[in-house]
Amino acid sequence: MSYIDGFVIAVPNANREQFIVHASTFDGIFLEVGATRVMECWGDDVPDGKLTDFRRAVQAKQDESVVFSWVEWPDKATRDAGMEKIMNDPRMPAVGDMPFDGKRMIFGGFESVVSVPG
């Protein structure tokens, strides 16, 4: 089964188009190094929870939207090799050059345990 890297970030609404350009440019690098799919999803229906929620997880401000993203890899070995290449790729932006606050990003790698075709 595939391996998934998941990301949740808060992006200022004023930076939506800048984020789309950023993602369109840099997500191609994931594909170059072995990812099979990259999804960037702008929050549309992200409710406030009673104990926790996506907005609180990334400390989203009133003028920010939550973006949920994932990168699909064929397996963890491909992901590990690909992420090493990405971290050393000179095309990747510095943290301060991103259209969002990277310090509030949450992320993790996930082993697929159930997959249902769509």
N, C-alpha and C. Protein backbone atom coordinates (compact mmCIF):
# COMPACT_ATOMS: atom_id res chain seq x y z
N MET A 1 0.83 -1.20 0.00
CA MET A 1 0.00 0.00 0.00
C MET A 1 0.87 1.25 0.00
N SER A 2 0.25 2.35 -0.37
CA SER A 2 0.98 3.61 -0.46
C SER A 2 1.32 4.17 0.92
N TYR A 3 2.18 5.18 0.90
CA TYR A 3 2.58 5.91 2.11
C TYR A 3 2.14 7.35 1.90
N ILE A 4 1.62 7.99 2.95
CA ILE A 4 1.06 9.34 2.84
C ILE A 4 1.76 10.29 3.80
N ASP A 5 2.15 11.45 3.29
CA ASP A 5 2.58 12.56 4.14
C ASP A 5 1.41 13.53 4.19
N GLY A 6 0.97 13.89 5.40
CA GLY A 6 -0.14 14.82 5.56
C GLY A 6 0.33 16.12 6.17
N PHE A 7 -0.29 17.22 5.77
CA PHE A 7 0.08 18.55 6.23
C PHE A 7 -1.18 19.37 6.49
N VAL A 8 -1.16 20.18 7.53
CA VAL A 8 -2.22 21.15 7.79
C VAL A 8 -1.54 22.47 8.10
N ILE A 9 -1.96 23.52 7.40
CA ILE A 9 -1.37 24.85 7.59
C ILE A 9 -2.48 25.90 7.63
N ALA A 10 -2.15 27.06 8.13
CA ALA A 10 -3.03 28.23 8.08
C ALA A 10 -2.42 29.21 7.08
N VAL A 11 -3.23 29.63 6.11
CA VAL A 11 -2.75 30.55 5.08
C VAL A 11 -3.59 31.82 5.13
N PRO A 12 -2.95 32.98 5.19
CA PRO A 12 -3.74 34.22 5.13
C PRO A 12 -4.60 34.24 3.87
N ASN A 13 -5.87 34.61 4.03
CA ASN A 13 -6.76 34.67 2.87
C ASN A 13 -6.21 35.56 1.77
N ALA A 14 -5.51 36.62 2.15
CA ALA A 14 -4.92 37.52 1.16
C ALA A 14 -3.82 36.84 0.34
N ASN A 15 -3.31 35.72 0.83
CA ASN A 15 -2.23 35.00 0.13
C ASN A 15 -2.72 33.79 -0.65
N ARG A 16 -4.03 33.67 -0.84
CA ARG A 16 -4.57 32.47 -1.51
C ARG A 16 -3.92 32.24 -2.88
N GLU A 17 -3.93 33.25 -3.74
CA GLU A 17 -3.37 33.08 -5.08
C GLU A 17 -1.86 32.82 -5.02
N GLN A 18 -1.17 33.51 -4.12
CA GLN A 18 0.26 33.30 -3.94
C GLN A 18 0.51 31.87 -3.49
N PHE A 19 -0.34 31.34 -2.59
CA PHE A 19 -0.21 29.96 -2.14
C PHE A 19 -0.42 28.99 -3.31
N ILE A 20 -1.41 29.24 -4.13
CA ILE A 20 -1.68 28.35 -5.27
C ILE A 20 -0.50 28.32 -6.22
N VAL A 21 0.10 29.46 -6.49
CA VAL A 21 1.29 29.50 -7.34
C VAL A 21 2.44 28.74 -6.68
N HIS A 22 2.63 28.99 -5.38
CA HIS A 22 3.68 28.31 -4.61
C HIS A 22 3.49 26.80 -4.69
N ALA A 23 2.28 26.33 -4.39
CA ALA A 23 2.01 24.89 -4.39
C ALA A 23 2.15 24.31 -5.80
N SER A 24 1.65 25.00 -6.79
CA SER A 24 1.74 24.50 -8.17
C SER A 24 3.19 24.34 -8.60
N THR A 25 4.01 25.24 -8.16
CA THR A 25 5.43 25.19 -8.51
C THR A 25 6.15 24.08 -7.76
N PHE A 26 6.00 24.05 -6.45
CA PHE A 26 6.81 23.14 -5.64
C PHE A 26 6.25 21.73 -5.54
N ASP A 27 4.95 21.55 -5.75
CA ASP A 27 4.41 20.19 -5.72
C ASP A 27 4.96 19.36 -6.87
N GLY A 28 5.32 20.02 -7.95
CA GLY A 28 5.96 19.30 -9.06
C GLY A 28 7.26 18.63 -8.65
N ILE A 29 7.95 19.22 -7.70
CA ILE A 29 9.20 18.62 -7.21
C ILE A 29 8.91 17.29 -6.51
N PHE A 30 7.81 17.23 -5.76
CA PHE A 30 7.44 15.96 -5.13
C PHE A 30 7.26 14.88 -6.20
N LEU A 31 6.60 15.23 -7.29
CA LEU A 31 6.38 14.25 -8.35
C LEU A 31 7.71 13.84 -9.01
N GLU A 32 8.60 14.80 -9.17
CA GLU A 32 9.91 14.49 -9.76
C GLU A 32 10.69 13.47 -8.93
N VAL A 33 10.52 13.50 -7.62
CA VAL A 33 11.33 12.63 -6.75
C VAL A 33 10.59 11.36 -6.33
N GLY A 34 9.44 11.09 -6.97
CA GLY A 34 8.80 9.79 -6.75
C GLY A 34 7.39 9.78 -6.22
N ALA A 35 6.84 10.93 -5.80
CA ALA A 35 5.45 10.95 -5.34
C ALA A 35 4.53 10.62 -6.51
N THR A 36 3.40 10.00 -6.21
CA THR A 36 2.44 9.65 -7.26
C THR A 36 1.28 10.63 -7.35
N ARG A 37 1.05 11.39 -6.27
CA ARG A 37 -0.05 12.34 -6.25
C ARG A 37 0.19 13.36 -5.15
N VAL A 38 -0.21 14.61 -5.43
CA VAL A 38 -0.15 15.67 -4.42
C VAL A 38 -1.49 16.40 -4.46
N MET A 39 -2.08 16.61 -3.29
CA MET A 39 -3.35 17.33 -3.20
C MET A 39 -3.18 18.52 -2.26
N GLU A 40 -3.70 19.66 -2.68
CA GLU A 40 -3.74 20.87 -1.86
C GLU A 40 -5.21 21.27 -1.76
N CYS A 41 -5.75 21.32 -0.56
CA CYS A 41 -7.19 21.55 -0.37
C CYS A 41 -7.42 22.77 0.52
N TRP A 42 -8.07 23.80 -0.04
CA TRP A 42 -8.37 25.03 0.69
C TRP A 42 -9.61 24.81 1.54
N GLY A 43 -9.54 25.12 2.82
CA GLY A 43 -10.66 24.91 3.73
C GLY A 43 -11.93 25.61 3.28
N ASP A 44 -13.01 24.87 3.24
CA ASP A 44 -14.29 25.38 2.79
C ASP A 44 -15.36 25.19 3.87
N ASP A 45 -15.26 24.10 4.61
CA ASP A 45 -16.22 23.78 5.67
C ASP A 45 -15.42 23.21 6.83
N VAL A 46 -14.80 24.10 7.59
CA VAL A 46 -13.90 23.71 8.69
C VAL A 46 -14.50 24.24 10.00
N PRO A 47 -15.35 23.44 10.62
CA PRO A 47 -16.06 23.92 11.81
C PRO A 47 -15.17 24.02 13.04
N ASP A 48 -15.58 24.89 13.94
CA ASP A 48 -14.94 24.97 15.24
C ASP A 48 -15.41 23.78 16.07
N GLY A 49 -14.50 23.13 16.76
CA GLY A 49 -14.86 22.00 17.61
C GLY A 49 -15.03 22.43 19.05
N LYS A 50 -15.50 21.53 19.87
CA LYS A 50 -15.66 21.84 21.29
C LYS A 50 -14.37 21.65 22.06
N LEU A 51 -13.56 20.66 21.66
CA LEU A 51 -12.29 20.40 22.34
C LEU A 51 -11.09 20.74 21.47
N THR A 52 -11.16 20.39 20.21
CA THR A 52 -10.07 20.69 19.29
C THR A 52 -10.63 20.73 17.87
N ASP A 53 -9.87 21.28 16.96
CA ASP A 53 -10.28 21.35 15.56
C ASP A 53 -9.06 21.74 14.71
N PHE A 54 -9.25 21.74 13.41
CA PHE A 54 -8.15 22.09 12.50
C PHE A 54 -7.65 23.50 12.75
N ARG A 55 -8.55 24.45 12.94
CA ARG A 55 -8.13 25.85 13.11
C ARG A 55 -7.24 26.00 14.35
N ARG A 56 -7.66 25.41 15.47
CA ARG A 56 -6.85 25.49 16.68
C ARG A 56 -5.53 24.76 16.52
N ALA A 57 -5.54 23.66 15.79
CA ALA A 57 -4.31 22.88 15.63
C ALA A 57 -3.19 23.70 15.01
N VAL A 58 -3.55 24.62 14.11
CA VAL A 58 -2.53 25.44 13.45
C VAL A 58 -2.61 26.91 13.86
N GLN A 59 -3.37 27.18 14.92
CA GLN A 59 -3.53 28.53 15.45
C GLN A 59 -3.96 29.52 14.36
N ALA A 60 -4.93 29.09 13.54
CA ALA A 60 -5.41 29.95 12.45
C ALA A 60 -6.07 31.21 13.02
N LYS A 61 -5.72 32.32 12.41
CA LYS A 61 -6.31 33.60 12.80
C LYS A 61 -7.60 33.82 12.01
N GLN A 62 -8.36 34.82 12.38
CA GLN A 62 -9.65 35.10 11.76
C GLN A 62 -9.52 35.31 10.25
N ASP A 63 -8.43 35.92 9.80
CA ASP A 63 -8.25 36.21 8.38
C ASP A 63 -7.45 35.13 7.65
N GLU A 64 -7.41 33.91 8.21
CA GLU A 64 -6.67 32.80 7.60
C GLU A 64 -7.61 31.63 7.33
N SER A 65 -7.27 30.86 6.32
CA SER A 65 -7.99 29.62 6.02
C SER A 65 -7.06 28.45 6.29
N VAL A 66 -7.67 27.31 6.60
CA VAL A 66 -6.92 26.09 6.83
C VAL A 66 -6.73 25.39 5.49
N VAL A 67 -5.51 24.94 5.23
CA VAL A 67 -5.21 24.15 4.04
C VAL A 67 -4.79 22.76 4.50
N PHE A 68 -5.43 21.76 3.92
CA PHE A 68 -5.15 20.35 4.21
C PHE A 68 -4.52 19.77 2.95
N SER A 69 -3.32 19.23 3.09
CA SER A 69 -2.58 18.72 1.94
C SER A 69 -2.05 17.34 2.22
N TRP A 70 -1.85 16.59 1.15
CA TRP A 70 -1.17 15.32 1.31
C TRP A 70 -0.38 14.97 0.07
N VAL A 71 0.66 14.19 0.32
CA VAL A 71 1.51 13.68 -0.76
C VAL A 71 1.44 12.16 -0.68
N GLU A 72 1.11 11.53 -1.79
CA GLU A 72 1.02 10.08 -1.83
C GLU A 72 2.28 9.52 -2.50
N TRP A 73 2.85 8.53 -1.86
CA TRP A 73 4.07 7.88 -2.34
C TRP A 73 3.77 6.39 -2.56
N PRO A 74 4.52 5.72 -3.42
CA PRO A 74 4.29 4.28 -3.61
C PRO A 74 4.58 3.47 -2.35
N ASP A 75 5.56 3.93 -1.56
CA ASP A 75 5.94 3.21 -0.33
C ASP A 75 6.82 4.13 0.50
N LYS A 76 7.12 3.72 1.73
CA LYS A 76 7.90 4.56 2.65
C LYS A 76 9.35 4.73 2.17
N ALA A 77 9.92 3.70 1.56
CA ALA A 77 11.31 3.82 1.08
C ALA A 77 11.41 4.91 0.01
N THR A 78 10.44 4.96 -0.90
CA THR A 78 10.43 6.01 -1.93
C THR A 78 10.24 7.37 -1.29
N ARG A 79 9.36 7.42 -0.28
CA ARG A 79 9.13 8.68 0.43
C ARG A 79 10.40 9.16 1.13
N ASP A 80 11.07 8.27 1.84
CA ASP A 80 12.27 8.66 2.56
C ASP A 80 13.34 9.19 1.62
N ALA A 81 13.54 8.50 0.51
CA ALA A 81 14.54 8.94 -0.48
C ALA A 81 14.10 10.25 -1.12
N GLY A 82 12.82 10.36 -1.44
CA GLY A 82 12.31 11.58 -2.06
C GLY A 82 12.40 12.78 -1.14
N MET A 83 12.05 12.61 0.13
CA MET A 83 12.11 13.73 1.06
C MET A 83 13.55 14.19 1.29
N GLU A 84 14.49 13.26 1.28
CA GLU A 84 15.90 13.66 1.40
C GLU A 84 16.30 14.52 0.21
N LYS A 85 15.87 14.13 -0.99
CA LYS A 85 16.18 14.93 -2.19
C LYS A 85 15.52 16.30 -2.10
N ILE A 86 14.29 16.34 -1.65
CA ILE A 86 13.57 17.61 -1.55
C ILE A 86 14.26 18.56 -0.57
N MET A 87 14.68 18.04 0.57
CA MET A 87 15.32 18.89 1.58
C MET A 87 16.65 19.46 1.08
N ASN A 88 17.24 18.82 0.10
CA ASN A 88 18.51 19.30 -0.46
C ASN A 88 18.34 20.00 -1.80
N ASP A 89 17.11 20.15 -2.26
CA ASP A 89 16.86 20.76 -3.57
C ASP A 89 16.94 22.28 -3.46
N PRO A 90 17.80 22.91 -4.24
CA PRO A 90 17.95 24.37 -4.16
C PRO A 90 16.70 25.14 -4.59
N ARG A 91 15.77 24.48 -5.26
CA ARG A 91 14.53 25.16 -5.67
C ARG A 91 13.54 25.33 -4.53
N MET A 92 13.71 24.56 -3.45
CA MET A 92 12.78 24.65 -2.34
C MET A 92 12.99 25.99 -1.62
N PRO A 93 11.88 26.64 -1.23
CA PRO A 93 12.00 27.96 -0.61
C PRO A 93 12.47 27.87 0.83
N ALA A 94 13.07 28.95 1.26
CA ALA A 94 13.42 29.08 2.67
C ALA A 94 12.12 29.28 3.44
N VAL A 95 12.11 28.96 4.71
CA VAL A 95 10.89 29.06 5.53
C VAL A 95 10.28 30.46 5.43
N GLY A 96 11.08 31.48 5.45
CA GLY A 96 10.57 32.85 5.39
C GLY A 96 10.01 33.25 4.04
N ASP A 97 10.25 32.45 3.00
CA ASP A 97 9.78 32.78 1.66
C ASP A 97 8.44 32.14 1.31
N MET A 98 7.83 31.45 2.25
CA MET A 98 6.57 30.77 1.98
C MET A 98 5.39 31.71 2.26
N PRO A 99 4.25 31.53 1.56
CA PRO A 99 3.10 32.43 1.76
C PRO A 99 2.26 32.05 2.99
N PHE A 100 2.87 31.38 3.96
CA PHE A 100 2.21 31.00 5.20
C PHE A 100 3.27 30.85 6.27
N ASP A 101 2.85 30.74 7.51
CA ASP A 101 3.78 30.60 8.64
C ASP A 101 4.09 29.12 8.83
N GLY A 102 5.25 28.69 8.35
CA GLY A 102 5.65 27.29 8.43
C GLY A 102 5.83 26.77 9.85
N LYS A 103 6.00 27.68 10.80
CA LYS A 103 6.17 27.25 12.19
C LYS A 103 4.87 26.69 12.78
N ARG A 104 3.74 27.04 12.16
CA ARG A 104 2.45 26.54 12.66
C ARG A 104 1.95 25.34 11.85
N MET A 105 2.75 24.84 10.94
CA MET A 105 2.36 23.68 10.15
C MET A 105 2.42 22.43 11.02
N ILE A 106 1.42 21.56 10.87
CA ILE A 106 1.51 20.24 11.48
C ILE A 106 1.62 19.23 10.34
N PHE A 107 2.40 18.19 10.56
CA PHE A 107 2.64 17.23 9.48
C PHE A 107 3.02 15.89 10.07
N GLY A 108 2.94 14.89 9.25
CA GLY A 108 3.34 13.56 9.67
C GLY A 108 3.26 12.58 8.51
N GLY A 109 3.92 11.45 8.68
CA GLY A 109 3.89 10.38 7.70
C GLY A 109 2.99 9.26 8.18
N PHE A 110 2.24 8.68 7.25
CA PHE A 110 1.23 7.70 7.61
C PHE A 110 1.30 6.48 6.70
N GLU A 111 1.27 5.33 7.32
CA GLU A 111 1.22 4.06 6.61
C GLU A 111 -0.25 3.77 6.26
N SER A 112 -0.53 3.47 5.01
CA SER A 112 -1.90 3.13 4.62
C SER A 112 -2.27 1.78 5.23
N VAL A 113 -3.46 1.72 5.81
CA VAL A 113 -3.94 0.46 6.37
C VAL A 113 -5.26 0.02 5.72
N VAL A 114 -6.00 0.95 5.14
CA VAL A 114 -7.21 0.64 4.39
C VAL A 114 -7.24 1.56 3.18
N SER A 115 -7.55 1.01 2.02
CA SER A 115 -7.66 1.80 0.81
C SER A 115 -8.87 1.30 0.02
N VAL A 116 -9.80 2.19 -0.24
CA VAL A 116 -11.00 1.82 -0.98
C VAL A 116 -10.98 2.59 -2.29
N PRO A 117 -10.98 1.93 -3.42
CA PRO A 117 -10.96 2.63 -4.71
C PRO A 117 -12.18 3.54 -4.86
N GLY A 118 -11.97 4.66 -5.56
CA GLY A 118 -13.07 5.59 -5.78
C GLY A 118 -13.74 5.42 -7.10
